[in-house]
Amino acid sequence: MVEISVCFEPLFNGKTDLEKIQTIHSLGYNAVEFWDLAGKDLKAITAYCQKTGLKIGICTLKDPWGNIRLHADTNSYLQHFSESLELLKQVGSKRVIVLTGEDDGQNKKLQMNQIIKNLKAVSSLAEKAEIVVCLEVLNSKVDHKGYFLDSTALGFEIVRQVNSPSIKVLYDIYHMQIMEGNIISTIQENIELIGHFHSAGVPGRHEHFYGELDYRNIFLAIQETGYNGYFGLEYWPTLPDEKSLEKLREYFLDE
């Protein structure tokens, strides 16, 4: 079963994280997600989730754009991952996002090998904790110029070489429409390597019913693969936030 999760970071400016998830939950969504583990009131978020049954679909490691990325030496990365894992356990998420960081100018094969080495090193920790590490592929044309991992083919190849059930690709439909298109076929051909989806309208990263993609068809295609996980709404609304989420719920879930 595909379950929609809402990334609360771009929504409800001025509200606390707890107020955001309470509002999203009141609108009929049963899962939320967020970015950096650091700086969040994890106790309040966890208490609310335990009380109400709201789920955390995914979040990132702490300080995901900081100095410790997948290019780092393995010991440093393991330490960083272990610290984040303790926070992840507090909030109860079974998925976590990792980023490669920017292309550092070295030989691409060397960079890829270091990423694979680090993911292999953390995979045993992830398997023991029963979490899935999701390697996110981003676009390098509009939002993240210089980002190393901007190709799904490369992302899937890294995951294949790591060869662990705890390491998957985060397939962001918005980013990959910008980079390469061919969304439904790519999903269908690689669904066993995908651990999470992100989505937004293209262009602009706004509501899904605006732009060039037919998200109803994409969502149906994902369901038909048998994927059993989260489909994240990570977008910047053009409508008032509550109205936007109401219309998106109707768009995806109403017959």
Protein backbone atom coordinates (compact mmCIF):
# COMPACT_ATOMS: atom_id res chain seq x y z
CA MET A 1 0.00 0.00 0.00
CA VAL A 2 1.25 3.46 -0.92
CA GLU A 3 0.81 6.01 1.86
CA ILE A 4 1.12 9.75 1.37
CA SER A 5 3.40 11.65 3.74
CA VAL A 6 3.62 15.43 3.89
CA CYS A 7 6.93 17.25 4.31
CA PHE A 8 6.06 19.99 6.78
CA GLU A 9 9.21 22.10 6.26
CA PRO A 10 7.93 24.40 3.46
CA LEU A 11 4.46 24.72 5.00
CA PHE A 12 2.79 26.92 7.63
CA ASN A 13 5.51 29.51 8.13
CA GLY A 14 5.42 30.89 11.65
CA LYS A 15 4.04 27.74 13.24
CA THR A 16 6.08 25.42 15.43
CA ASP A 17 6.92 21.95 14.14
CA LEU A 18 4.35 20.46 16.50
CA GLU A 19 1.66 22.88 15.32
CA LYS A 20 2.50 22.00 11.72
CA ILE A 21 2.09 18.25 12.21
CA GLN A 22 -1.10 18.75 14.21
CA THR A 23 -2.58 20.79 11.36
CA ILE A 24 -1.49 18.31 8.68
CA HIS A 25 -2.95 15.45 10.71
CA SER A 26 -6.24 17.31 11.16
CA LEU A 27 -6.51 17.57 7.36
CA GLY A 28 -6.63 13.79 7.03
CA TYR A 29 -2.99 12.88 6.44
CA ASN A 30 -1.55 10.04 8.52
CA ALA A 31 2.18 10.56 7.92
CA VAL A 32 4.59 13.49 7.87
CA GLU A 33 8.26 13.93 7.11
CA PHE A 34 10.95 16.54 7.63
CA TRP A 35 14.57 17.38 6.89
CA ASP A 36 17.36 17.84 9.44
CA LEU A 37 17.00 15.79 12.63
CA ALA A 38 18.96 18.45 14.52
CA GLY A 39 17.08 21.43 15.87
CA LYS A 40 13.73 19.66 16.05
CA ASP A 41 11.66 19.21 19.20
CA LEU A 42 11.85 15.44 18.87
CA LYS A 43 10.29 14.81 22.27
CA ALA A 44 7.16 16.77 21.40
CA ILE A 45 6.93 15.25 17.91
CA THR A 46 7.42 11.73 19.25
CA ALA A 47 4.88 12.21 22.04
CA TYR A 48 2.26 13.42 19.58
CA CYS A 49 2.91 10.53 17.19
CA GLN A 50 2.71 7.96 19.97
CA LYS A 51 -0.53 9.47 21.25
CA THR A 52 -2.30 9.77 17.90
CA GLY A 53 -0.74 7.15 15.63
CA LEU A 54 0.67 9.72 13.20
CA LYS A 55 3.74 8.27 11.48
CA ILE A 56 7.08 9.77 10.46
CA GLY A 57 7.67 8.72 6.87
CA ILE A 58 11.29 9.85 6.58
CA CYS A 59 13.78 12.52 7.67
CA THR A 60 17.41 13.33 6.91
CA LEU A 61 20.52 12.75 8.95
CA LYS A 62 21.37 15.67 11.19
CA ASP A 63 23.22 18.47 9.40
CA PRO A 64 22.74 16.86 5.95
CA TRP A 65 24.44 19.71 4.06
CA GLY A 66 27.27 20.07 6.57
CA ASN A 67 30.84 18.87 6.34
CA ILE A 68 30.06 15.18 6.89
CA ARG A 69 28.61 13.85 3.66
CA LEU A 70 29.02 10.61 1.78
CA HIS A 71 32.36 11.86 0.38
CA ALA A 72 33.82 11.89 3.92
CA ASP A 73 36.28 9.34 5.22
CA THR A 74 34.53 6.24 6.48
CA ASN A 75 35.29 6.61 10.19
CA SER A 76 33.97 10.18 10.26
CA TYR A 77 30.86 9.19 8.35
CA LEU A 78 30.18 6.22 10.61
CA GLN A 79 30.41 8.45 13.67
CA HIS A 80 28.05 10.99 12.12
CA PHE A 81 25.61 8.27 11.08
CA SER A 82 25.66 6.66 14.53
CA GLU A 83 24.83 9.98 16.21
CA SER A 84 21.94 10.53 13.82
CA LEU A 85 20.74 6.97 14.34
CA GLU A 86 20.20 7.64 18.03
CA LEU A 87 18.00 10.63 17.16
CA LEU A 88 16.19 8.58 14.53
CA LYS A 89 15.33 5.95 17.12
CA GLN A 90 13.80 8.64 19.32
CA VAL A 91 11.37 9.78 16.66
CA GLY A 92 10.58 6.31 15.38
CA SER A 93 11.20 6.78 11.66
CA LYS A 94 12.21 3.65 9.75
CA ARG A 95 13.68 5.60 6.83
CA VAL A 96 16.43 8.19 6.65
CA ILE A 97 17.74 10.34 3.79
CA VAL A 98 21.44 10.62 2.97
CA LEU A 99 23.04 13.03 0.50
CA THR A 100 26.27 12.74 -1.46
CA GLY A 101 27.13 16.42 -1.38
CA GLU A 102 28.70 18.29 -4.26
CA ASP A 103 31.10 16.91 -6.83
CA ASP A 104 34.46 17.63 -5.20
CA GLY A 105 36.39 17.74 -8.47
CA GLN A 106 38.08 14.39 -8.05
CA ASN A 107 37.73 11.53 -10.49
CA LYS A 108 34.05 10.53 -10.49
CA LYS A 109 34.89 6.86 -10.12
CA LEU A 110 36.91 7.61 -6.97
CA GLN A 111 34.03 9.61 -5.52
CA MET A 112 31.57 6.85 -6.35
CA ASN A 113 33.82 4.24 -4.74
CA GLN A 114 34.01 6.29 -1.51
CA ILE A 115 30.23 6.65 -1.45
CA ILE A 116 29.82 2.89 -1.91
CA LYS A 117 32.40 2.20 0.80
CA ASN A 118 30.59 4.44 3.28
CA LEU A 119 27.17 3.02 2.47
CA LYS A 120 28.47 -0.51 2.92
CA ALA A 121 29.89 0.54 6.28
CA VAL A 122 26.58 1.96 7.54
CA SER A 123 24.43 -0.80 6.05
CA SER A 124 25.10 -3.18 8.93
CA LEU A 125 24.06 -0.49 11.43
CA ALA A 126 20.94 0.19 9.40
CA GLU A 127 20.05 -3.49 9.12
CA LYS A 128 20.47 -3.96 12.87
CA ALA A 129 18.24 -0.94 13.55
CA GLU A 130 15.75 -2.15 10.91
CA ILE A 131 15.82 1.11 8.98
CA VAL A 132 16.19 1.87 5.29
CA VAL A 133 18.81 4.41 4.22
CA CYS A 134 17.56 6.32 1.17
CA LEU A 135 20.18 7.86 -1.11
CA GLU A 136 18.65 10.94 -2.70
CA VAL A 137 19.23 11.87 -6.34
CA LEU A 138 18.79 15.62 -6.97
CA ASN A 139 18.70 17.85 -10.03
CA SER A 140 21.86 19.83 -10.75
CA LYS A 141 20.26 22.12 -13.33
CA VAL A 142 17.97 24.29 -11.19
CA ASP A 143 18.08 23.65 -7.44
CA HIS A 144 21.39 21.96 -6.59
CA LYS A 145 24.06 22.95 -9.08
CA GLY A 146 27.22 20.95 -8.53
CA TYR A 147 25.48 18.10 -6.68
CA PHE A 148 27.30 14.83 -7.39
CA LEU A 149 24.41 12.39 -7.62
CA ASP A 150 22.14 13.82 -10.33
CA SER A 151 21.42 10.63 -12.29
CA THR A 152 19.07 7.81 -11.39
CA ALA A 153 21.23 5.37 -13.36
CA LEU A 154 24.18 6.21 -11.11
CA GLY A 155 22.02 6.06 -7.98
CA PHE A 156 20.67 2.64 -8.86
CA GLU A 157 24.17 1.40 -9.72
CA ILE A 158 25.47 2.51 -6.31
CA VAL A 159 22.63 0.70 -4.56
CA ARG A 160 23.25 -2.45 -6.59
CA GLN A 161 26.93 -2.43 -5.68
CA VAL A 162 26.24 -1.89 -1.98
CA ASN A 163 23.86 -4.86 -2.22
CA SER A 164 22.04 -4.43 1.08
CA PRO A 165 18.29 -4.47 1.74
CA SER A 166 18.84 -1.45 3.98
CA ILE A 167 20.19 0.80 1.20
CA LYS A 168 17.77 2.18 -1.42
CA VAL A 169 17.30 5.19 -3.70
CA LEU A 170 15.03 8.08 -2.81
CA TYR A 171 13.39 8.76 -6.16
CA ASP A 172 12.37 12.41 -6.33
CA ILE A 173 10.01 12.80 -9.26
CA TYR A 174 10.38 16.59 -9.36
CA HIS A 175 14.17 16.42 -9.56
CA MET A 176 14.25 13.59 -12.08
CA GLN A 177 11.69 15.17 -14.42
CA ILE A 178 14.08 18.12 -14.66
CA MET A 179 17.13 15.91 -15.24
CA GLU A 180 15.88 13.10 -17.45
CA GLY A 181 12.10 12.53 -17.61
CA ASN A 182 10.87 9.01 -18.44
CA ILE A 183 9.36 8.86 -14.96
CA ILE A 184 6.93 5.94 -15.08
CA SER A 185 9.21 3.56 -16.99
CA THR A 186 12.13 4.33 -14.67
CA ILE A 187 9.96 3.60 -11.63
CA GLN A 188 8.55 0.39 -13.08
CA GLU A 189 11.96 -0.95 -14.09
CA ASN A 190 13.67 -0.16 -10.78
CA ILE A 191 10.98 -0.32 -8.10
CA GLU A 192 12.87 -2.91 -6.05
CA LEU A 193 15.69 -0.37 -5.60
CA ILE A 194 13.43 2.52 -4.50
CA GLY A 195 12.85 3.11 -0.79
CA HIS A 196 10.90 6.37 -0.85
CA PHE A 197 9.37 8.91 -3.24
CA HIS A 198 9.39 12.69 -3.21
CA SER A 199 7.20 14.76 -5.49
CA ALA A 200 6.19 18.26 -6.57
CA GLY A 201 4.86 20.00 -9.64
CA VAL A 202 7.22 20.78 -12.53
CA PRO A 203 8.18 23.52 -13.17
CA GLY A 204 8.21 25.57 -9.97
CA ARG A 205 8.02 22.85 -7.30
CA HIS A 206 4.46 23.81 -6.45
CA GLU A 207 1.21 21.83 -6.23
CA HIS A 208 1.15 18.58 -8.17
CA PHE A 209 -1.93 19.46 -10.21
CA TYR A 210 -0.03 22.37 -11.77
CA GLY A 211 2.65 21.79 -14.37
CA GLU A 212 3.59 19.23 -16.98
CA LEU A 213 3.25 15.95 -15.06
CA ASP A 214 0.11 13.84 -14.70
CA TYR A 215 0.64 12.84 -11.09
CA ARG A 216 -2.53 10.77 -10.93
CA ASN A 217 -1.12 8.45 -13.59
CA ILE A 218 2.27 8.36 -11.87
CA PHE A 219 0.69 7.57 -8.50
CA LEU A 220 -1.39 4.79 -10.06
CA ALA A 221 1.68 3.35 -11.77
CA ILE A 222 3.50 3.25 -8.43
CA GLN A 223 0.56 1.49 -6.80
CA GLU A 224 0.48 -1.08 -9.59
CA THR A 225 4.13 -2.05 -8.97
CA GLY A 226 3.16 -3.31 -5.50
CA TYR A 227 5.34 -0.70 -3.79
CA ASN A 228 4.61 -0.66 -0.07
CA GLY A 229 5.93 2.60 1.31
CA TYR A 230 5.59 6.37 1.41
CA PHE A 231 4.95 8.90 -1.33
CA GLY A 232 6.20 12.23 -0.01
CA LEU A 233 4.67 15.60 -0.88
CA GLU A 234 7.64 17.97 -0.73
CA TYR A 235 6.48 21.17 -2.37
CA TRP A 236 6.04 24.92 -1.94
CA PRO A 237 2.34 25.87 -2.11
CA THR A 238 0.90 28.66 -4.20
CA LEU A 239 -2.51 28.36 -2.54
CA PRO A 240 -3.11 28.99 1.17
CA ASP A 241 -1.43 26.05 2.91
CA GLU A 242 -4.52 24.33 4.32
CA LYS A 243 -6.45 24.76 1.07
CA SER A 244 -3.48 23.42 -0.87
CA LEU A 245 -3.27 20.26 1.24
CA GLU A 246 -7.03 19.73 1.06
CA LYS A 247 -6.97 19.95 -2.74
CA LEU A 248 -3.96 17.62 -2.96
CA ARG A 249 -5.67 15.02 -0.81
CA GLU A 250 -8.69 15.18 -3.12
CA TYR A 251 -6.43 15.01 -6.17
CA PHE A 252 -4.60 11.86 -5.09
CA LEU A 253 -7.13 9.98 -2.99
CA ASP A 254 -10.63 10.78 -4.23
CA GLU A 255 -12.04 8.56 -6.93
